[in-house]
Amino acid sequence: MTKSMDHHGLDVHVGRRLTERTFVLEAPVQADVLRLCGIDPSLYGEQIDPAAFVRLAIDEGVRNGMSIHGGVHLSERLVQHRPGILGERLTVSGEILDVQAVPRGTLVIGNTLFRGDDGQAVVSIFRHSLRPGPDMTGAPGSDATAAPSPAIADTSLLARLSTIQLTPAVVKAFSNPDNPIHFDPELARQRGYRAPIAGGALCVRYLTAEIWRRDAPRSLSLEIRFRRPVFWDDACDVMVDDRGGRWTAIGLAVRGKVATEARIEEWTV
């Protein structure tokens, strides 16, 4: 069932486009965000952490009047076509590809493209998000279209790379102020969560950091799924499937269960 609809006071319809805009991501801005997450900014050198584009895509929607109040990530495909460079001029564009009424609210499917001054693609993001209805709860993994087989089926087969201890202060400071699901305990309870949840953009930061610690890719393609909520006080293990001598999947596990996972589809250096 695909149709246009007014949700959270927003006219959401297939074909709605972002207003194209040029901007620059400066090195001090990235450094501040990475330090907030507990990640050493020198890890990326002059490159932009590709996880930054997850948040940039969300922020661009807000800039264009698209509400994210109470919304949650379900899945996305993140493709780095070539490294973004700190301080370079980037142009962002995007559109809504599909809007579906689902039992718990509205499923919105869209894409966002970031290009360099030469017109060539730097990063593209294809995103599924759920906007819960006013009297319904929503959670990662619910109301999605036919779900693919999990990238990580058994955490006992994975290698642990690191452990991240989230705190309410970090999650709140990282989060977009337009989405209180990440910092308002009462709204979180109304949506069926025990506490505010960490945004998908934050979770992906910890995955890309481990990839860059291994070897900075020239191109990278990740199929990311947000299978369970990560709460703002959770301890998360960063796990990797490195069987066969190469990384095929990476994810965050909470209490032994996969919360965020990424299938590594391409990785070239």
Protein backbone atom coordinates (compact mmCIF):
# COMPACT_ATOMS: atom_id res chain seq x y z
CA MET A 1 0.00 0.00 0.00
CA THR A 2 1.76 3.13 -1.22
CA LYS A 3 0.28 6.58 -1.07
CA SER A 4 0.84 10.20 -0.12
CA MET A 5 -0.12 11.17 3.41
CA ASP A 6 0.07 13.94 5.93
CA HIS A 7 2.06 12.69 8.93
CA HIS A 8 3.18 14.77 11.92
CA GLY A 9 1.87 17.82 10.05
CA LEU A 10 4.13 17.09 7.09
CA ASP A 11 3.06 16.49 3.51
CA VAL A 12 5.06 13.36 2.69
CA HIS A 13 4.77 12.16 -0.85
CA VAL A 14 6.66 10.13 -3.41
CA GLY A 15 8.89 12.36 -5.47
CA ARG A 16 9.35 15.10 -2.89
CA ARG A 17 12.90 16.40 -3.37
CA LEU A 18 15.39 18.07 -1.11
CA THR A 19 16.44 21.53 -2.13
CA GLU A 20 19.94 21.05 -3.52
CA ARG A 21 22.55 22.76 -1.36
CA THR A 22 26.33 23.11 -1.19
CA PHE A 23 28.17 22.96 2.12
CA VAL A 24 31.56 22.20 3.67
CA LEU A 25 32.33 19.88 6.59
CA GLU A 26 35.32 21.34 8.40
CA ALA A 27 37.91 19.27 10.28
CA PRO A 28 37.22 20.84 13.73
CA VAL A 29 33.53 19.96 13.44
CA GLN A 30 34.27 16.30 12.72
CA ALA A 31 36.91 16.22 15.46
CA ASP A 32 34.44 17.48 18.06
CA VAL A 33 31.86 14.84 17.12
CA LEU A 34 34.39 12.01 17.12
CA ARG A 35 35.78 13.03 20.50
CA LEU A 36 32.23 13.09 21.88
CA CYS A 37 31.88 9.48 20.71
CA GLY A 38 35.23 8.52 22.24
CA ILE A 39 36.88 8.10 18.82
CA ASP A 40 40.31 9.56 18.00
CA PRO A 41 39.86 12.08 15.13
CA SER A 42 43.31 11.22 13.74
CA LEU A 43 41.89 7.83 12.72
CA TYR A 44 40.43 9.40 9.56
CA GLY A 45 43.21 11.85 8.75
CA GLU A 46 41.85 14.32 6.18
CA GLN A 47 38.96 12.04 5.26
CA ILE A 48 35.33 12.38 6.34
CA ASP A 49 34.02 9.49 8.43
CA PRO A 50 31.34 8.05 6.09
CA ALA A 51 29.06 7.57 9.09
CA ALA A 52 28.87 11.37 9.24
CA PHE A 53 26.68 11.30 6.14
CA VAL A 54 24.02 9.29 7.98
CA ARG A 55 23.41 12.22 10.31
CA LEU A 56 23.92 14.78 7.53
CA ALA A 57 21.18 13.11 5.48
CA ILE A 58 18.76 13.25 8.42
CA ASP A 59 19.64 16.87 9.13
CA GLU A 60 19.06 17.77 5.49
CA GLY A 61 15.55 16.37 5.67
CA VAL A 62 14.88 18.49 8.76
CA ARG A 63 16.29 21.52 6.94
CA ASN A 64 13.68 20.86 4.25
CA GLY A 65 10.82 20.69 6.75
CA MET A 66 10.62 16.91 7.12
CA SER A 67 9.70 16.00 10.69
CA ILE A 68 11.69 13.29 12.46
CA HIS A 69 9.84 13.57 15.78
CA GLY A 70 9.75 10.09 17.33
CA GLY A 71 11.01 8.44 14.16
CA VAL A 72 13.44 5.51 14.11
CA HIS A 73 15.83 4.00 11.61
CA LEU A 74 14.93 0.58 10.24
CA SER A 75 17.66 0.03 7.66
CA GLU A 76 19.86 1.78 5.17
CA ARG A 77 22.45 1.21 2.49
CA LEU A 78 25.53 3.39 2.89
CA VAL A 79 27.87 3.58 -0.10
CA GLN A 80 31.13 5.49 -0.11
CA HIS A 81 32.00 5.90 -3.79
CA ARG A 82 35.23 7.68 -2.91
CA PRO A 83 36.49 9.29 0.30
CA GLY A 84 35.02 12.63 1.27
CA ILE A 85 37.70 15.17 2.18
CA LEU A 86 37.36 17.55 5.09
CA GLY A 87 37.02 21.11 3.86
CA GLU A 88 35.89 20.22 0.32
CA ARG A 89 32.69 21.61 -1.17
CA LEU A 90 29.90 19.02 -1.22
CA THR A 91 26.49 19.23 -2.85
CA VAL A 92 23.58 17.32 -1.30
CA SER A 93 20.39 16.26 -3.07
CA GLY A 94 17.73 13.64 -2.45
CA GLU A 95 14.12 12.58 -2.70
CA ILE A 96 11.41 10.43 -1.16
CA LEU A 97 11.08 7.25 -3.17
CA ASP A 98 8.15 5.58 -1.42
CA VAL A 99 5.72 6.13 1.45
CA GLN A 100 3.77 3.23 2.90
CA ALA A 101 1.05 3.04 5.54
CA VAL A 102 2.04 0.24 7.93
CA PRO A 103 0.36 -1.01 11.13
CA ARG A 104 2.54 1.11 13.40
CA GLY A 105 2.64 4.32 11.40
CA THR A 106 4.39 5.41 8.23
CA LEU A 107 7.30 3.78 6.44
CA VAL A 108 9.33 6.36 4.51
CA ILE A 109 11.92 5.28 1.94
CA GLY A 110 14.30 7.86 0.55
CA ASN A 111 17.73 8.44 -0.86
CA THR A 112 20.31 11.16 -0.34
CA LEU A 113 23.34 11.80 -2.56
CA PHE A 114 26.44 13.80 -1.73
CA ARG A 115 28.60 14.90 -4.68
CA GLY A 116 31.94 16.67 -4.94
CA ASP A 117 32.75 19.81 -6.93
CA ASP A 118 33.50 17.61 -9.93
CA GLY A 119 29.90 16.36 -9.90
CA GLN A 120 30.95 12.82 -9.04
CA ALA A 121 29.27 10.85 -6.23
CA VAL A 122 31.03 10.80 -2.87
CA VAL A 123 28.47 9.05 -0.64
CA SER A 124 24.93 7.85 -1.25
CA ILE A 125 22.41 6.73 1.34
CA PHE A 126 19.24 4.72 0.74
CA ARG A 127 17.18 4.80 3.93
CA HIS A 128 14.08 3.17 5.47
CA SER A 129 12.62 4.92 8.50
CA LEU A 130 9.50 4.44 10.58
CA ARG A 131 7.43 7.36 11.79
CA PRO A 132 5.20 5.85 14.50
CA GLY A 133 1.55 6.83 14.55
CA PRO A 134 0.31 8.95 17.49
CA ASP A 135 -1.02 5.97 19.48
CA MET A 136 1.37 3.30 18.29
CA THR A 137 4.85 2.18 19.27
CA GLY A 138 7.60 1.57 16.80
CA ALA A 139 10.80 -0.36 17.05
CA PRO A 140 13.71 -1.22 14.79
CA GLY A 141 12.84 -4.24 12.71
CA SER A 142 9.07 -3.72 12.82
CA ASP A 143 6.87 -2.92 9.84
CA ALA A 144 9.67 -3.23 7.35
CA THR A 145 9.24 -4.79 3.96
CA ALA A 146 10.35 -8.40 3.59
CA ALA A 147 13.48 -8.56 5.73
CA PRO A 148 16.64 -10.10 4.25
CA SER A 149 18.44 -12.87 6.06
CA PRO A 150 20.51 -11.44 8.91
CA ALA A 151 24.12 -10.57 8.23
CA ILE A 152 24.94 -11.85 11.73
CA ALA A 153 23.02 -14.91 12.84
CA ASP A 154 25.16 -16.16 15.73
CA THR A 155 27.29 -13.83 17.84
CA SER A 156 29.22 -16.78 19.27
CA LEU A 157 30.98 -17.09 15.90
CA LEU A 158 32.20 -13.49 15.93
CA ALA A 159 35.33 -11.78 17.20
CA ARG A 160 34.90 -8.93 19.67
CA LEU A 161 36.83 -5.80 18.69
CA SER A 162 35.86 -3.38 21.46
CA THR A 163 33.21 -2.48 24.01
CA ILE A 164 31.41 0.87 24.03
CA GLN A 165 29.68 2.15 27.17
CA LEU A 166 26.98 4.61 26.15
CA THR A 167 25.79 7.29 28.55
CA PRO A 168 22.70 9.50 28.51
CA ALA A 169 24.96 12.56 28.24
CA VAL A 170 26.70 11.30 25.09
CA VAL A 171 23.51 10.10 23.40
CA LYS A 172 21.73 13.35 24.16
CA ALA A 173 24.64 15.53 23.02
CA PHE A 174 24.97 13.59 19.75
CA SER A 175 21.27 13.54 18.93
CA ASN A 176 19.29 15.85 16.69
CA PRO A 177 17.26 18.16 18.97
CA ASP A 178 14.24 17.65 16.70
CA ASN A 179 13.90 13.99 17.73
CA PRO A 180 13.31 13.61 21.49
CA ILE A 181 13.07 9.80 21.19
CA HIS A 182 16.83 10.01 21.87
CA PHE A 183 16.69 12.12 25.05
CA ASP A 184 13.13 12.32 26.45
CA PRO A 185 12.40 9.37 28.81
CA GLU A 186 8.66 10.04 28.83
CA LEU A 187 8.35 10.03 25.04
CA ALA A 188 10.50 6.89 24.89
CA ARG A 189 8.10 5.13 27.28
CA GLN A 190 5.13 6.27 25.19
CA ARG A 191 6.77 4.65 22.17
CA GLY A 192 7.30 1.36 24.02
CA TYR A 193 10.97 1.73 25.04
CA ARG A 194 12.35 1.45 28.58
CA ALA A 195 14.55 4.52 27.99
CA PRO A 196 15.66 6.86 25.17
CA ILE A 197 17.42 5.07 22.32
CA ALA A 198 20.72 5.83 20.63
CA GLY A 199 20.27 7.07 17.07
CA GLY A 200 21.34 4.92 14.18
CA ALA A 201 23.81 7.59 13.11
CA LEU A 202 25.63 7.19 16.42
CA CYS A 203 25.67 3.40 16.23
CA VAL A 204 27.16 3.44 12.74
CA ARG A 205 30.01 5.68 13.98
CA TYR A 206 31.37 2.78 16.03
CA LEU A 207 31.22 0.39 13.08
CA THR A 208 33.07 2.63 10.63
CA ALA A 209 35.68 3.46 13.28
CA GLU A 210 36.62 -0.24 13.55
CA ILE A 211 36.75 -0.57 9.77
CA TRP A 212 39.14 2.39 9.55
CA ARG A 213 41.29 0.96 12.33
CA ARG A 214 41.82 -2.06 10.12
CA ASP A 215 42.33 -0.33 6.76
CA ALA A 216 40.86 2.90 5.37
CA PRO A 217 38.76 1.91 2.34
CA ARG A 218 38.69 3.84 -0.91
CA SER A 219 35.20 2.54 -1.58
CA LEU A 220 32.83 0.87 0.84
CA SER A 221 29.27 -0.46 0.71
CA LEU A 222 27.35 -1.40 3.86
CA GLU A 223 23.84 -2.86 4.14
CA ILE A 224 22.85 -1.76 7.63
CA ARG A 225 19.92 -3.02 9.70
CA PHE A 226 18.81 -1.74 13.08
CA ARG A 227 17.41 -4.93 14.54
CA ARG A 228 16.92 -3.94 18.18
CA PRO A 229 16.99 -0.67 20.10
CA VAL A 230 20.23 0.43 21.71
CA PHE A 231 19.38 2.33 24.89
CA TRP A 232 21.25 5.38 26.03
CA ASP A 233 22.90 3.53 28.94
CA ASP A 234 23.75 0.25 27.18
CA ALA A 235 27.17 -1.36 26.92
CA CYS A 236 27.71 -2.49 23.32
CA ASP A 237 30.24 -4.98 21.96
CA VAL A 238 31.54 -4.24 18.48
CA MET A 239 31.69 -7.66 16.80
CA VAL A 240 33.05 -8.75 13.43
CA ASP A 241 32.65 -11.84 11.28
CA ASP A 242 36.20 -12.43 10.10
CA ARG A 243 35.93 -16.10 9.28
CA GLY A 244 37.76 -16.96 6.08
CA GLY A 245 40.31 -14.21 6.61
CA ARG A 246 38.16 -11.26 5.55
CA TRP A 247 35.48 -9.15 7.19
CA THR A 248 32.01 -9.89 5.86
CA ALA A 249 29.85 -8.32 8.58
CA ILE A 250 30.22 -6.04 11.57
CA GLY A 251 27.76 -5.09 14.27
CA LEU A 252 26.88 -3.92 17.76
CA ALA A 253 25.71 -6.54 20.23
CA VAL A 254 23.93 -5.76 23.48
CA ARG A 255 23.70 -8.50 26.11
CA GLY A 256 24.72 -11.05 23.50
CA LYS A 257 22.09 -10.06 20.92
CA VAL A 258 22.72 -8.16 17.72
CA ALA A 259 21.23 -4.67 17.81
CA THR A 260 22.86 -3.04 14.78
CA GLU A 261 24.47 -4.99 11.96
CA ALA A 262 26.14 -4.17 8.67
CA ARG A 263 26.77 -6.57 5.84
CA ILE A 264 30.01 -5.52 4.12
CA GLU A 265 29.21 -5.73 0.43
CA GLU A 266 32.27 -3.94 -0.95
CA TRP A 267 35.57 -2.80 0.49
CA THR A 268 38.39 -1.60 -1.75
CA VAL A 269 41.58 0.22 -0.78
